[in-house]
Amino acid sequence: MQQKTPKYWQEAKEYLSERDQVLAKIISNYSGEILVTRGSAFFSLARAIVGQQISVKAADSVWKKLENNIGEVIPCNILYANPEILRGSGLSGQKVIYLIEVAKFFTENNPNWHEKDDDEVIKELTSIKGIGKWSAQMFLMFHLLRENVFPIADIGLQKAIERNYNAGEKMQLAKMQELAENWQPYRTVASWYLWRSLDPVPVEY
């Protein structure tokens, strides 16, 4: 798969660094790193399913086990694999079902989401069993490289905001939303760096 990076990244770094001193420090700490997409819609959705409700590090471990067990994670390999092998990779029974549903979708459809706006993409993706709004937002950020996505329901992102802006204390979602207004139109980039401040490896979907 061909890797791609967002064309707006450098501009976004400079913009956010000027507007937010906390983000400026985080960006400086990881100045050589950047969001990367693999250029595969199935890869992004499969990674999102694997990453649902677990840490980035745990998701990375499960993904590596999955690759070891079935080879490249592509629709045909998911569909031909014994579900017990998929579960043996660290996937819950529910996530196995979701992966199979997404694999079936891609064997039966050839969608083109690049010309559609964020809301249209989310609506179409969430019609697939196992793909909720969070997974659709990860797809927007990491596959379509949309620059202004703010997945406020993400627990890791909430934790990163609380750690960096509220001394680790609980913060109301409305306050987070208000804070993120200052990051427009580059909330994707702000979210990525906040995740990066929390996790030992870069987030990848």
C-alpha atoms as a PDB file:
ATOM      1  CA  MET A   1       0.000   0.000   0.000  1.00  0.00           C
ATOM      2  CA  GLN A   2       1.222   3.461  -0.894  1.00  0.00           C
ATOM      3  CA  GLN A   3       1.643   5.758   2.094  1.00  0.00           C
ATOM      4  CA  LYS A   4       0.393   9.331   1.891  1.00  0.00           C
ATOM      5  CA  THR A   5       0.705  12.348   4.176  1.00  0.00           C
ATOM      6  CA  PRO A   6      -1.513  15.447   4.417  1.00  0.00           C
ATOM      7  CA  LYS A   7      -0.427  18.409   2.291  1.00  0.00           C
ATOM      8  CA  TYR A   8      -1.766  20.809   4.916  1.00  0.00           C
ATOM      9  CA  TRP A   9       0.345  19.436   7.805  1.00  0.00           C
ATOM     10  CA  GLN A  10       3.102  22.059   7.971  1.00  0.00           C
ATOM     11  CA  GLU A  11       0.658  24.926   7.598  1.00  0.00           C
ATOM     12  CA  ALA A  12      -1.530  23.406  10.316  1.00  0.00           C
ATOM     13  CA  LYS A  13       1.438  23.001  12.700  1.00  0.00           C
ATOM     14  CA  GLU A  14       2.359  26.659  12.334  1.00  0.00           C
ATOM     15  CA  TYR A  15      -1.254  27.795  12.673  1.00  0.00           C
ATOM     16  CA  LEU A  16      -1.920  25.743  15.821  1.00  0.00           C
ATOM     17  CA  SER A  17       1.417  26.666  17.400  1.00  0.00           C
ATOM     18  CA  GLU A  18       0.586  30.359  17.060  1.00  0.00           C
ATOM     19  CA  ARG A  19      -2.885  29.989  18.552  1.00  0.00           C
ATOM     20  CA  ASP A  20      -2.250  27.524  21.396  1.00  0.00           C
ATOM     21  CA  GLN A  21       0.872  27.409  23.563  1.00  0.00           C
ATOM     22  CA  VAL A  22       0.070  23.959  24.949  1.00  0.00           C
ATOM     23  CA  LEU A  23      -0.198  22.512  21.464  1.00  0.00           C
ATOM     24  CA  ALA A  24       2.906  24.437  20.423  1.00  0.00           C
ATOM     25  CA  LYS A  25       4.929  22.529  23.020  1.00  0.00           C
ATOM     26  CA  ILE A  26       3.486  19.139  22.019  1.00  0.00           C
ATOM     27  CA  ILE A  27       4.084  19.841  18.318  1.00  0.00           C
ATOM     28  CA  SER A  28       7.655  20.833  19.115  1.00  0.00           C
ATOM     29  CA  ASN A  29       8.210  17.557  20.987  1.00  0.00           C
ATOM     30  CA  TYR A  30       7.092  15.521  17.952  1.00  0.00           C
ATOM     31  CA  SER A  31       8.042  17.941  15.184  1.00  0.00           C
ATOM     32  CA  GLY A  32       9.425  15.247  12.886  1.00  0.00           C
ATOM     33  CA  GLU A  33       6.314  13.071  12.995  1.00  0.00           C
ATOM     34  CA  ILE A  34       3.230  13.208  10.798  1.00  0.00           C
ATOM     35  CA  LEU A  35      -0.076  11.459  10.220  1.00  0.00           C
ATOM     36  CA  VAL A  36       0.308   8.717   7.604  1.00  0.00           C
ATOM     37  CA  THR A  37      -2.362   6.943   5.588  1.00  0.00           C
ATOM     38  CA  ARG A  38      -1.812   3.620   3.837  1.00  0.00           C
ATOM     39  CA  GLY A  39      -4.105   4.591   0.971  1.00  0.00           C
ATOM     40  CA  SER A  40      -6.441   1.648   1.632  1.00  0.00           C
ATOM     41  CA  ALA A  41     -10.041   2.221   2.694  1.00  0.00           C
ATOM     42  CA  PHE A  42     -10.368  -1.345   3.994  1.00  0.00           C
ATOM     43  CA  PHE A  43      -7.162  -1.028   6.026  1.00  0.00           C
ATOM     44  CA  SER A  44      -8.437   2.134   7.737  1.00  0.00           C
ATOM     45  CA  LEU A  45     -11.786   0.621   8.661  1.00  0.00           C
ATOM     46  CA  ALA A  46     -10.253  -2.675   9.786  1.00  0.00           C
ATOM     47  CA  ARG A  47      -7.749  -0.825  11.993  1.00  0.00           C
ATOM     48  CA  ALA A  48     -10.570   1.248  13.436  1.00  0.00           C
ATOM     49  CA  ILE A  49     -12.517  -1.896  14.350  1.00  0.00           C
ATOM     50  CA  VAL A  50      -9.458  -3.469  15.971  1.00  0.00           C
ATOM     51  CA  GLY A  51      -8.839  -0.225  17.878  1.00  0.00           C
ATOM     52  CA  GLN A  52     -12.362   0.163  19.246  1.00  0.00           C
ATOM     53  CA  GLN A  53     -12.301   0.710  23.045  1.00  0.00           C
ATOM     54  CA  ILE A  54      -8.663  -0.328  23.539  1.00  0.00           C
ATOM     55  CA  SER A  55      -5.394   1.586  23.728  1.00  0.00           C
ATOM     56  CA  VAL A  56      -3.221   2.344  20.717  1.00  0.00           C
ATOM     57  CA  LYS A  57      -0.517   0.012  22.058  1.00  0.00           C
ATOM     58  CA  ALA A  58      -2.992  -2.840  22.589  1.00  0.00           C
ATOM     59  CA  ALA A  59      -4.497  -2.328  19.121  1.00  0.00           C
ATOM     60  CA  ASP A  60      -1.038  -2.430  17.565  1.00  0.00           C
ATOM     61  CA  SER A  61      -0.334  -5.739  19.332  1.00  0.00           C
ATOM     62  CA  VAL A  62      -3.595  -7.307  18.140  1.00  0.00           C
ATOM     63  CA  TRP A  63      -2.970  -6.135  14.584  1.00  0.00           C
ATOM     64  CA  LYS A  64       0.486  -7.724  14.513  1.00  0.00           C
ATOM     65  CA  LYS A  65      -0.950 -11.011  15.797  1.00  0.00           C
ATOM     66  CA  LEU A  66      -3.638 -10.830  13.132  1.00  0.00           C
ATOM     67  CA  GLU A  67      -1.016 -10.343  10.407  1.00  0.00           C
ATOM     68  CA  ASN A  68       1.003 -13.253  11.772  1.00  0.00           C
ATOM     69  CA  ASN A  69      -2.061 -15.497  11.732  1.00  0.00           C
ATOM     70  CA  ILE A  70      -3.645 -14.656   8.360  1.00  0.00           C
ATOM     71  CA  GLY A  71      -1.010 -12.714   6.411  1.00  0.00           C
ATOM     72  CA  GLU A  72      -1.931  -9.350   4.902  1.00  0.00           C
ATOM     73  CA  VAL A  73      -5.165  -8.006   6.370  1.00  0.00           C
ATOM     74  CA  ILE A  74      -7.274  -7.764   3.212  1.00  0.00           C
ATOM     75  CA  PRO A  75     -10.930  -8.722   2.623  1.00  0.00           C
ATOM     76  CA  CYS A  76     -10.312 -12.166   1.105  1.00  0.00           C
ATOM     77  CA  ASN A  77      -7.951 -13.208   3.912  1.00  0.00           C
ATOM     78  CA  ILE A  78     -10.531 -12.150   6.514  1.00  0.00           C
ATOM     79  CA  LEU A  79     -13.341 -14.020   4.753  1.00  0.00           C
ATOM     80  CA  TYR A  80     -11.306 -17.213   4.240  1.00  0.00           C
ATOM     81  CA  ALA A  81      -9.918 -17.284   7.786  1.00  0.00           C
ATOM     82  CA  ASN A  82     -11.408 -19.526  10.448  1.00  0.00           C
ATOM     83  CA  PRO A  83     -13.174 -17.229  12.954  1.00  0.00           C
ATOM     84  CA  GLU A  84     -11.341 -19.069  15.735  1.00  0.00           C
ATOM     85  CA  ILE A  85      -8.036 -17.920  14.235  1.00  0.00           C
ATOM     86  CA  LEU A  86      -9.329 -14.346  14.182  1.00  0.00           C
ATOM     87  CA  ARG A  87     -10.374 -14.615  17.823  1.00  0.00           C
ATOM     88  CA  GLY A  88      -6.989 -16.147  18.627  1.00  0.00           C
ATOM     89  CA  SER A  89      -5.407 -12.910  17.430  1.00  0.00           C
ATOM     90  CA  GLY A  90      -6.964 -11.084  20.368  1.00  0.00           C
ATOM     91  CA  LEU A  91     -10.228  -9.996  18.760  1.00  0.00           C
ATOM     92  CA  SER A  92     -13.521 -10.247  20.599  1.00  0.00           C
ATOM     93  CA  GLY A  93     -16.299 -12.275  19.003  1.00  0.00           C
ATOM     94  CA  GLN A  94     -18.104  -9.020  18.191  1.00  0.00           C
ATOM     95  CA  LYS A  95     -15.071  -7.524  16.460  1.00  0.00           C
ATOM     96  CA  VAL A  96     -14.658 -10.692  14.394  1.00  0.00           C
ATOM     97  CA  ILE A  97     -18.244 -10.256  13.165  1.00  0.00           C
ATOM     98  CA  TYR A  98     -17.597  -6.592  12.359  1.00  0.00           C
ATOM     99  CA  LEU A  99     -14.402  -7.356  10.413  1.00  0.00           C
ATOM    100  CA  ILE A 100     -16.210  -9.986   8.366  1.00  0.00           C
ATOM    101  CA  GLU A 101     -19.048  -7.554   7.599  1.00  0.00           C
ATOM    102  CA  VAL A 102     -16.616  -4.877   6.423  1.00  0.00           C
ATOM    103  CA  ALA A 103     -14.730  -7.442   4.316  1.00  0.00           C
ATOM    104  CA  LYS A 104     -18.020  -8.502   2.687  1.00  0.00           C
ATOM    105  CA  PHE A 105     -18.860  -4.859   1.977  1.00  0.00           C
ATOM    106  CA  PHE A 106     -15.607  -4.322   0.084  1.00  0.00           C
ATOM    107  CA  THR A 107     -15.970  -7.514  -1.951  1.00  0.00           C
ATOM    108  CA  GLU A 108     -19.437  -6.384  -3.073  1.00  0.00           C
ATOM    109  CA  ASN A 109     -18.890  -2.617  -3.450  1.00  0.00           C
ATOM    110  CA  ASN A 110     -16.340  -0.200  -4.878  1.00  0.00           C
ATOM    111  CA  PRO A 111     -17.213   3.042  -3.104  1.00  0.00           C
ATOM    112  CA  ASN A 112     -15.669   6.431  -3.831  1.00  0.00           C
ATOM    113  CA  TRP A 113     -15.938   8.726  -0.840  1.00  0.00           C
ATOM    114  CA  HIS A 114     -13.400  11.360  -1.861  1.00  0.00           C
ATOM    115  CA  GLU A 115     -15.979  13.643  -3.493  1.00  0.00           C
ATOM    116  CA  LYS A 116     -18.436  13.478  -0.574  1.00  0.00           C
ATOM    117  CA  ASP A 117     -18.557  15.729   2.465  1.00  0.00           C
ATOM    118  CA  ASP A 118     -17.874  14.471   5.984  1.00  0.00           C
ATOM    119  CA  ASP A 119     -21.524  13.994   6.961  1.00  0.00           C
ATOM    120  CA  GLU A 120     -22.280  11.995   3.805  1.00  0.00           C
ATOM    121  CA  VAL A 121     -19.294   9.729   4.422  1.00  0.00           C
ATOM    122  CA  ILE A 122     -20.292   9.156   8.050  1.00  0.00           C
ATOM    123  CA  LYS A 123     -23.876   8.328   7.012  1.00  0.00           C
ATOM    124  CA  GLU A 124     -22.745   5.755   4.454  1.00  0.00           C
ATOM    125  CA  LEU A 125     -20.116   4.158   6.657  1.00  0.00           C
ATOM    126  CA  THR A 126     -22.370   3.808   9.683  1.00  0.00           C
ATOM    127  CA  SER A 127     -24.787   1.780   7.566  1.00  0.00           C
ATOM    128  CA  ILE A 128     -22.163  -1.020   7.684  1.00  0.00           C
ATOM    129  CA  LYS A 129     -22.546  -3.264  10.727  1.00  0.00           C
ATOM    130  CA  GLY A 130     -19.790  -2.541  13.243  1.00  0.00           C
ATOM    131  CA  ILE A 131     -18.959   0.936  11.937  1.00  0.00           C
ATOM    132  CA  GLY A 132     -20.131   3.635  14.325  1.00  0.00           C
ATOM    133  CA  LYS A 133     -19.484   7.362  14.265  1.00  0.00           C
ATOM    134  CA  TRP A 134     -16.065   7.024  15.942  1.00  0.00           C
ATOM    135  CA  SER A 135     -14.829   4.516  13.357  1.00  0.00           C
ATOM    136  CA  ALA A 136     -16.175   6.729  10.569  1.00  0.00           C
ATOM    137  CA  GLN A 137     -14.316   9.706  12.029  1.00  0.00           C
ATOM    138  CA  MET A 138     -11.081   7.698  12.118  1.00  0.00           C
ATOM    139  CA  PHE A 139     -11.682   6.932   8.440  1.00  0.00           C
ATOM    140  CA  LEU A 140     -12.171  10.616   7.648  1.00  0.00           C
ATOM    141  CA  MET A 141      -8.954  11.507   9.449  1.00  0.00           C
ATOM    142  CA  PHE A 142      -6.660   8.669   8.454  1.00  0.00           C
ATOM    143  CA  HIS A 143      -7.882   7.650   5.001  1.00  0.00           C
ATOM    144  CA  LEU A 144      -9.542  10.696   3.485  1.00  0.00           C
ATOM    145  CA  LEU A 145      -7.143  13.061   5.329  1.00  0.00           C
ATOM    146  CA  ARG A 146      -9.918  15.490   6.236  1.00  0.00           C
ATOM    147  CA  GLU A 147      -8.311  18.274   8.244  1.00  0.00           C
ATOM    148  CA  ASN A 148     -11.057  19.382  10.637  1.00  0.00           C
ATOM    149  CA  VAL A 149     -12.389  16.247  12.368  1.00  0.00           C
ATOM    150  CA  PHE A 150     -12.755  16.311  16.166  1.00  0.00           C
ATOM    151  CA  PRO A 151     -13.723  12.872  17.576  1.00  0.00           C
ATOM    152  CA  ILE A 152     -14.772  14.158  20.965  1.00  0.00           C
ATOM    153  CA  ALA A 153     -16.169  10.768  22.077  1.00  0.00           C
ATOM    154  CA  ASP A 154     -12.678   9.226  21.873  1.00  0.00           C
ATOM    155  CA  ILE A 155     -11.582   8.326  25.423  1.00  0.00           C
ATOM    156  CA  GLY A 156      -7.888   8.694  24.608  1.00  0.00           C
ATOM    157  CA  LEU A 157      -8.431  12.178  23.203  1.00  0.00           C
ATOM    158  CA  GLN A 158     -10.443  13.173  26.261  1.00  0.00           C
ATOM    159  CA  LYS A 159      -7.673  11.900  28.524  1.00  0.00           C
ATOM    160  CA  ALA A 160      -5.030  13.792  26.550  1.00  0.00           C
ATOM    161  CA  ILE A 161      -7.000  17.034  26.751  1.00  0.00           C
ATOM    162  CA  GLU A 162      -7.525  16.610  30.502  1.00  0.00           C
ATOM    163  CA  ARG A 163      -3.836  15.850  31.054  1.00  0.00           C
ATOM    164  CA  ASN A 164      -2.564  18.772  28.983  1.00  0.00           C
ATOM    165  CA  TYR A 165      -5.198  21.419  29.765  1.00  0.00           C
ATOM    166  CA  ASN A 166      -6.675  20.517  33.142  1.00  0.00           C
ATOM    167  CA  ALA A 167      -3.852  18.929  35.194  1.00  0.00           C
ATOM    168  CA  GLY A 168      -5.358  15.502  34.615  1.00  0.00           C
ATOM    169  CA  GLU A 169      -8.649  16.439  36.235  1.00  0.00           C
ATOM    170  CA  LYS A 170     -12.027  15.622  34.701  1.00  0.00           C
ATOM    171  CA  MET A 171     -13.263  18.114  32.114  1.00  0.00           C
ATOM    172  CA  GLN A 172     -16.771  18.506  30.757  1.00  0.00           C
ATOM    173  CA  LEU A 173     -17.216  17.635  27.078  1.00  0.00           C
ATOM    174  CA  ALA A 174     -18.723  21.071  26.474  1.00  0.00           C
ATOM    175  CA  LYS A 175     -15.483  22.647  27.698  1.00  0.00           C
ATOM    176  CA  MET A 176     -13.462  20.392  25.377  1.00  0.00           C
ATOM    177  CA  GLN A 177     -15.685  21.388  22.477  1.00  0.00           C
ATOM    178  CA  GLU A 178     -15.167  25.038  23.350  1.00  0.00           C
ATOM    179  CA  LEU A 179     -11.398  24.539  23.539  1.00  0.00           C
ATOM    180  CA  ALA A 180     -11.381  22.819  20.149  1.00  0.00           C
ATOM    181  CA  GLU A 181     -13.077  25.804  18.517  1.00  0.00           C
ATOM    182  CA  ASN A 182      -9.703  27.533  18.712  1.00  0.00           C
ATOM    183  CA  TRP A 183      -8.148  24.727  16.626  1.00  0.00           C
ATOM    184  CA  GLN A 184     -10.415  25.110  13.605  1.00  0.00           C
ATOM    185  CA  PRO A 185      -9.922  24.462  10.719  1.00  0.00           C
ATOM    186  CA  TYR A 186      -7.233  21.946  11.766  1.00  0.00           C
ATOM    187  CA  ARG A 187      -8.845  19.939  14.558  1.00  0.00           C
ATOM    188  CA  THR A 188      -7.614  16.687  12.990  1.00  0.00           C
ATOM    189  CA  VAL A 189      -4.014  17.819  13.454  1.00  0.00           C
ATOM    190  CA  ALA A 190      -4.643  19.021  17.009  1.00  0.00           C
ATOM    191  CA  SER A 191      -6.276  15.687  17.878  1.00  0.00           C
ATOM    192  CA  TRP A 192      -3.379  13.710  16.375  1.00  0.00           C
ATOM    193  CA  TYR A 193      -0.781  15.584  18.417  1.00  0.00           C
ATOM    194  CA  LEU A 194      -2.842  15.230  21.584  1.00  0.00           C
ATOM    195  CA  TRP A 195      -3.015  11.469  21.022  1.00  0.00           C
ATOM    196  CA  ARG A 196       0.723  11.489  20.366  1.00  0.00           C
ATOM    197  CA  SER A 197       1.360  13.162  23.712  1.00  0.00           C
ATOM    198  CA  LEU A 198      -0.364  10.232  25.403  1.00  0.00           C
ATOM    199  CA  ASP A 199       0.751   7.134  23.510  1.00  0.00           C
ATOM    200  CA  PRO A 200       4.212   5.570  23.052  1.00  0.00           C
ATOM    201  CA  VAL A 201       3.539   4.997  19.338  1.00  0.00           C
ATOM    202  CA  PRO A 202       1.795   7.202  16.751  1.00  0.00           C
ATOM    203  CA  VAL A 203      -1.885   6.559  16.166  1.00  0.00           C
ATOM    204  CA  GLU A 204      -2.496   4.728  12.892  1.00  0.00           C
ATOM    205  CA  TYR A 205      -5.725   3.787  11.144  1.00  0.00           C
END
